[in-house]
Amino acid sequence: MTTKTINLTLKVWRQNRGEKKGKLKTYFAKNISGDMSFLEMIDVVNEDLTKNREEPIAFDHDCREGICGMCGAVINGRAHGHEKETTLCQLHMRHFSDGDTIVIEPWRSRAFPIIKDLIVDRSALDRIIQSGGYISVNTGGAPDANAIPIAREVAETAFNAAACIGCGACVAACPNASAMLFVSAKISHLALLPQGRIEAAKRAKAMVRQMDQLGFGNCSNETECEAECPKGISIINIARLNREFLKAELC
């Protein structure tokens, strides 16, 4: 069966590090297969730009399997595009129609300075994780699976929080550029497990303070973060983060 091809108009944000202003530039993507991912479509456009001796569109990516979180960009105003719980590298062109105009922009946050075009510096998220420190566990041989009994519901809730890939879509989607969903996921999956309880109070205070110092906005409970998260992280984790932080401050 022949795969349907489409032609698209792209309006892509172009900007170099240090430039005060960038701009949207128009390109045309021709004969794009519906089986292509969004990033493969940009690859095709970049091949044509290179042949014409034009600067290719710079964008971030690595695994192209939806697990590394590096591919983030805003597509028609939506972080990672309009498909629910889908990373940009897993968004296929069959979800677009022939003749569509697609606006492609980088994450927008003071804490995510633009490096070039669609690539932003998301190392602020790494610094938040680093501020969380360590967990205290015994080293040596692998412990028995039932050495520390954990209720199934608790284990699944912790696993769901740990699914966060740190892509920054929650920051890009939030009107305040808040990183609360990201931080809450990182704090929750450790706070729920006994291995993470020893340093829980210290971790909560350190990560929240680091988040504030890096210039992320405050959470105003708009829930765009949950709606755009490619891994479906729940805002219930933000409530847990608030409880962990308050307990830590009162101790």
Protein backbone atom coordinates (compact mmCIF):
# COMPACT_ATOMS: atom_id res chain seq x y z
CA MET A 1 0.00 0.00 0.00
CA THR A 2 1.34 3.41 -0.99
CA THR A 3 1.84 5.79 1.89
CA LYS A 4 0.16 9.15 1.48
CA THR A 5 2.51 12.12 1.17
CA ILE A 6 1.78 15.69 2.19
CA ASN A 7 3.19 19.15 1.58
CA LEU A 8 3.58 21.55 4.48
CA THR A 9 4.51 25.14 5.21
CA LEU A 10 6.80 25.50 8.21
CA LYS A 11 7.33 28.66 10.22
CA VAL A 12 10.47 27.92 12.25
CA TRP A 13 12.05 30.05 14.96
CA ARG A 14 15.64 30.99 14.08
CA GLN A 15 17.94 32.53 16.69
CA ASN A 16 21.54 32.23 17.80
CA ARG A 17 22.82 32.35 21.38
CA GLY A 18 23.20 35.88 22.61
CA GLU A 19 20.94 37.46 20.02
CA LYS A 20 18.33 39.70 21.59
CA LYS A 21 15.71 38.82 19.02
CA GLY A 22 14.95 35.87 16.83
CA LYS A 23 12.40 35.49 14.06
CA LEU A 24 10.12 32.99 12.40
CA LYS A 25 11.34 31.97 8.97
CA THR A 26 9.21 30.16 6.40
CA TYR A 27 10.24 26.87 4.78
CA PHE A 28 8.42 24.31 2.66
CA ALA A 29 8.40 20.58 3.38
CA LYS A 30 7.47 18.69 0.22
CA ASN A 31 6.45 15.07 -0.34
CA ILE A 32 6.56 14.18 3.34
CA SER A 33 5.55 10.60 4.12
CA GLY A 34 2.91 10.09 6.79
CA ASP A 35 5.14 7.37 8.26
CA MET A 36 7.86 9.88 9.09
CA SER A 37 8.31 11.21 12.58
CA PHE A 38 8.35 14.96 13.11
CA LEU A 39 12.12 14.93 13.50
CA GLU A 40 12.55 12.91 10.31
CA MET A 41 10.51 15.57 8.53
CA ILE A 42 12.90 18.26 9.80
CA ASP A 43 15.81 16.07 8.62
CA VAL A 44 14.35 16.13 5.10
CA VAL A 45 13.96 19.90 5.22
CA ASN A 46 17.54 20.26 6.46
CA GLU A 47 18.83 18.12 3.61
CA ASP A 48 17.21 20.51 1.13
CA LEU A 49 18.60 23.53 3.00
CA THR A 50 22.10 22.03 2.96
CA LYS A 51 21.88 21.36 -0.79
CA ASN A 52 20.93 25.01 -1.28
CA ARG A 53 23.85 26.07 0.97
CA GLU A 54 21.52 27.43 3.63
CA GLU A 55 21.99 27.02 7.37
CA PRO A 56 20.07 23.92 8.53
CA ILE A 57 17.55 24.15 11.37
CA ALA A 58 19.24 23.33 14.69
CA PHE A 59 17.19 21.06 16.94
CA ASP A 60 17.96 18.79 19.87
CA HIS A 61 17.48 15.02 19.86
CA ASP A 62 19.14 11.78 20.88
CA CYS A 63 17.27 8.51 21.30
CA ARG A 64 14.31 9.18 18.97
CA GLU A 65 12.47 6.56 21.02
CA GLY A 66 10.57 8.84 23.39
CA ILE A 67 12.71 8.17 26.46
CA CYS A 68 15.48 10.81 26.58
CA GLY A 69 13.38 14.00 26.55
CA MET A 70 15.77 16.00 24.39
CA CYS A 71 13.51 16.49 21.36
CA GLY A 72 11.17 19.06 22.90
CA ALA A 73 9.82 21.94 20.85
CA VAL A 74 6.54 23.85 20.75
CA ILE A 75 4.38 22.84 17.79
CA ASN A 76 1.49 25.16 16.97
CA GLY A 77 1.52 26.38 20.56
CA ARG A 78 1.64 22.91 22.13
CA ALA A 79 4.68 21.40 23.81
CA HIS A 80 5.65 18.27 21.82
CA GLY A 81 2.63 18.83 19.56
CA HIS A 82 -1.06 18.02 19.84
CA GLU A 83 -0.94 14.24 20.39
CA LYS A 84 -1.48 13.28 24.05
CA GLU A 85 1.43 11.71 25.94
CA THR A 86 3.67 11.74 22.87
CA THR A 87 7.20 13.06 22.56
CA LEU A 88 8.10 15.05 19.46
CA CYS A 89 10.28 12.27 18.07
CA GLN A 90 7.30 9.89 18.31
CA LEU A 91 4.84 12.32 16.70
CA HIS A 92 4.15 11.04 13.18
CA MET A 93 3.30 13.18 10.18
CA ARG A 94 0.10 11.24 9.53
CA HIS A 95 -1.41 13.40 12.26
CA PHE A 96 -1.09 16.42 9.97
CA SER A 97 -2.93 17.24 6.74
CA ASP A 98 -1.74 18.26 3.32
CA GLY A 99 -1.37 22.03 3.11
CA ASP A 100 -1.04 22.57 6.88
CA THR A 101 1.02 25.42 8.24
CA ILE A 102 3.08 24.37 11.27
CA VAL A 103 4.68 26.86 13.64
CA ILE A 104 7.77 25.43 15.39
CA GLU A 105 9.29 27.25 18.37
CA PRO A 106 11.71 26.45 21.21
CA TRP A 107 10.78 26.12 24.90
CA ARG A 108 10.05 29.57 26.36
CA SER A 109 11.51 30.13 29.81
CA ARG A 110 14.04 32.48 31.36
CA ALA A 111 15.63 29.40 32.91
CA PHE A 112 16.04 27.83 29.43
CA PRO A 113 18.22 30.27 27.41
CA ILE A 114 18.28 29.64 23.67
CA ILE A 115 21.46 28.05 22.33
CA LYS A 116 20.41 28.05 18.68
CA ASP A 117 17.07 27.88 16.87
CA LEU A 118 15.06 25.14 18.62
CA ILE A 119 17.84 24.11 21.03
CA VAL A 120 17.66 25.48 24.57
CA ASP A 121 19.94 25.02 27.55
CA ARG A 122 18.01 22.77 29.95
CA SER A 123 20.90 22.21 32.33
CA ALA A 124 18.84 24.04 34.99
CA LEU A 125 16.90 20.79 35.42
CA ASP A 126 20.17 18.92 35.98
CA ARG A 127 21.19 21.42 38.65
CA ILE A 128 17.88 20.86 40.43
CA ILE A 129 18.50 17.11 40.47
CA GLN A 130 22.08 17.63 41.68
CA SER A 131 20.82 19.77 44.56
CA GLY A 132 18.70 16.83 45.72
CA GLY A 133 21.83 15.00 46.79
CA TYR A 134 21.94 11.28 47.41
CA ILE A 135 20.04 8.43 49.04
CA SER A 136 21.43 6.18 51.76
CA VAL A 137 21.49 2.53 50.68
CA ASN A 138 23.69 -0.41 51.56
CA THR A 139 26.13 -1.37 48.83
CA GLY A 140 27.38 -4.82 48.00
CA GLY A 141 25.49 -7.76 46.60
CA ALA A 142 22.03 -7.36 45.15
CA PRO A 143 19.42 -7.52 47.94
CA ASP A 144 16.56 -9.97 47.83
CA ALA A 145 13.50 -8.61 46.05
CA ASN A 146 11.43 -8.90 49.22
CA ALA A 147 14.09 -7.54 51.61
CA ILE A 148 12.21 -4.25 51.95
CA PRO A 149 8.48 -4.92 51.54
CA ILE A 150 6.74 -2.13 49.60
CA ALA A 151 3.01 -2.08 49.00
CA ARG A 152 2.07 -2.52 45.36
CA GLU A 153 0.10 0.73 45.24
CA VAL A 154 3.05 2.67 46.66
CA ALA A 155 5.49 1.02 44.25
CA GLU A 156 3.31 1.82 41.25
CA THR A 157 2.82 5.43 42.32
CA ALA A 158 6.58 5.84 42.75
CA PHE A 159 7.19 4.22 39.38
CA ASN A 160 4.72 6.55 37.67
CA ALA A 161 6.54 9.56 39.13
CA ALA A 162 9.91 8.14 38.11
CA ALA A 163 8.69 7.97 34.49
CA CYS A 164 9.51 11.69 34.13
CA ILE A 165 12.14 12.11 31.39
CA GLY A 166 13.05 15.69 32.26
CA CYS A 167 12.15 17.11 28.85
CA GLY A 168 10.87 20.44 30.21
CA ALA A 169 7.49 20.31 28.47
CA CYS A 170 5.82 21.19 31.77
CA VAL A 171 7.91 24.37 31.95
CA ALA A 172 7.17 25.26 28.34
CA ALA A 173 3.43 24.70 28.78
CA CYS A 174 3.08 26.61 32.06
CA PRO A 175 2.10 30.31 31.76
CA ASN A 176 4.50 30.96 34.65
CA ALA A 177 7.30 28.72 33.32
CA SER A 178 7.11 26.72 36.54
CA ALA A 179 9.15 23.54 37.03
CA MET A 180 6.92 22.26 39.83
CA LEU A 181 5.72 19.15 37.97
CA PHE A 182 9.29 18.12 37.16
CA VAL A 183 10.54 18.74 40.70
CA SER A 184 7.52 17.05 42.25
CA ALA A 185 8.06 13.93 40.14
CA LYS A 186 11.71 13.72 41.17
CA ILE A 187 10.90 14.25 44.83
CA SER A 188 7.83 11.98 44.85
CA HIS A 189 9.41 8.81 43.54
CA LEU A 190 12.05 8.94 46.28
CA ALA A 191 9.78 10.22 49.05
CA LEU A 192 7.42 7.30 48.50
CA LEU A 193 10.12 4.64 48.87
CA PRO A 194 11.90 3.74 52.12
CA GLN A 195 15.31 4.15 50.45
CA GLY A 196 14.60 7.83 49.92
CA ARG A 197 13.03 8.72 53.26
CA ILE A 198 16.27 9.30 55.18
CA GLU A 199 17.20 12.44 53.22
CA ALA A 200 13.62 13.36 52.25
CA ALA A 201 13.39 16.61 54.22
CA LYS A 202 16.82 17.85 53.13
CA ARG A 203 16.07 16.92 49.53
CA ALA A 204 12.73 18.73 49.41
CA LYS A 205 14.14 21.98 50.78
CA ALA A 206 17.25 21.92 48.60
CA MET A 207 15.45 21.18 45.32
CA VAL A 208 12.70 23.75 45.84
CA ARG A 209 15.21 26.45 46.75
CA GLN A 210 17.39 25.59 43.76
CA MET A 211 14.34 25.75 41.49
CA ASP A 212 13.52 29.24 42.80
CA GLN A 213 17.12 30.43 42.45
CA LEU A 214 17.23 29.33 38.80
CA GLY A 215 14.35 31.63 37.87
CA PHE A 216 11.46 29.23 37.34
CA GLY A 217 8.01 30.68 38.02
CA ASN A 218 5.49 29.73 40.68
CA CYS A 219 2.78 27.13 40.22
CA SER A 220 -0.71 28.62 39.91
CA ASN A 221 -2.47 25.27 39.41
CA GLU A 222 -3.37 25.84 35.75
CA THR A 223 -2.70 22.14 34.96
CA GLU A 224 -1.24 22.77 31.49
CA CYS A 225 1.84 20.89 32.72
CA GLU A 226 -0.11 17.68 33.26
CA ALA A 227 -1.95 18.07 29.94
CA GLU A 228 1.28 18.42 27.94
CA CYS A 229 3.52 15.97 29.79
CA PRO A 230 4.55 13.22 27.34
CA LYS A 231 4.70 10.70 30.19
CA GLY A 232 1.40 11.61 31.85
CA ILE A 233 2.89 12.78 35.16
CA SER A 234 0.02 13.77 37.46
CA ILE A 235 -0.25 17.08 39.33
CA ILE A 236 -1.01 14.96 42.40
CA ASN A 237 2.77 14.90 42.71
CA ILE A 238 2.79 18.69 43.16
CA ALA A 239 0.49 18.30 46.17
CA ARG A 240 2.91 15.70 47.56
CA LEU A 241 5.85 18.04 46.95
CA ASN A 242 4.08 20.81 48.87
CA ARG A 243 3.46 18.47 51.80
CA GLU A 244 7.07 17.26 51.80
CA PHE A 245 8.38 20.83 51.69
CA LEU A 246 6.10 22.04 54.48
CA LYS A 247 7.01 19.08 56.69
CA ALA A 248 10.68 19.77 56.06
CA GLU A 249 10.33 23.44 56.94
CA LEU A 250 8.45 22.66 60.16
CA CYS A 251 10.90 20.02 61.34
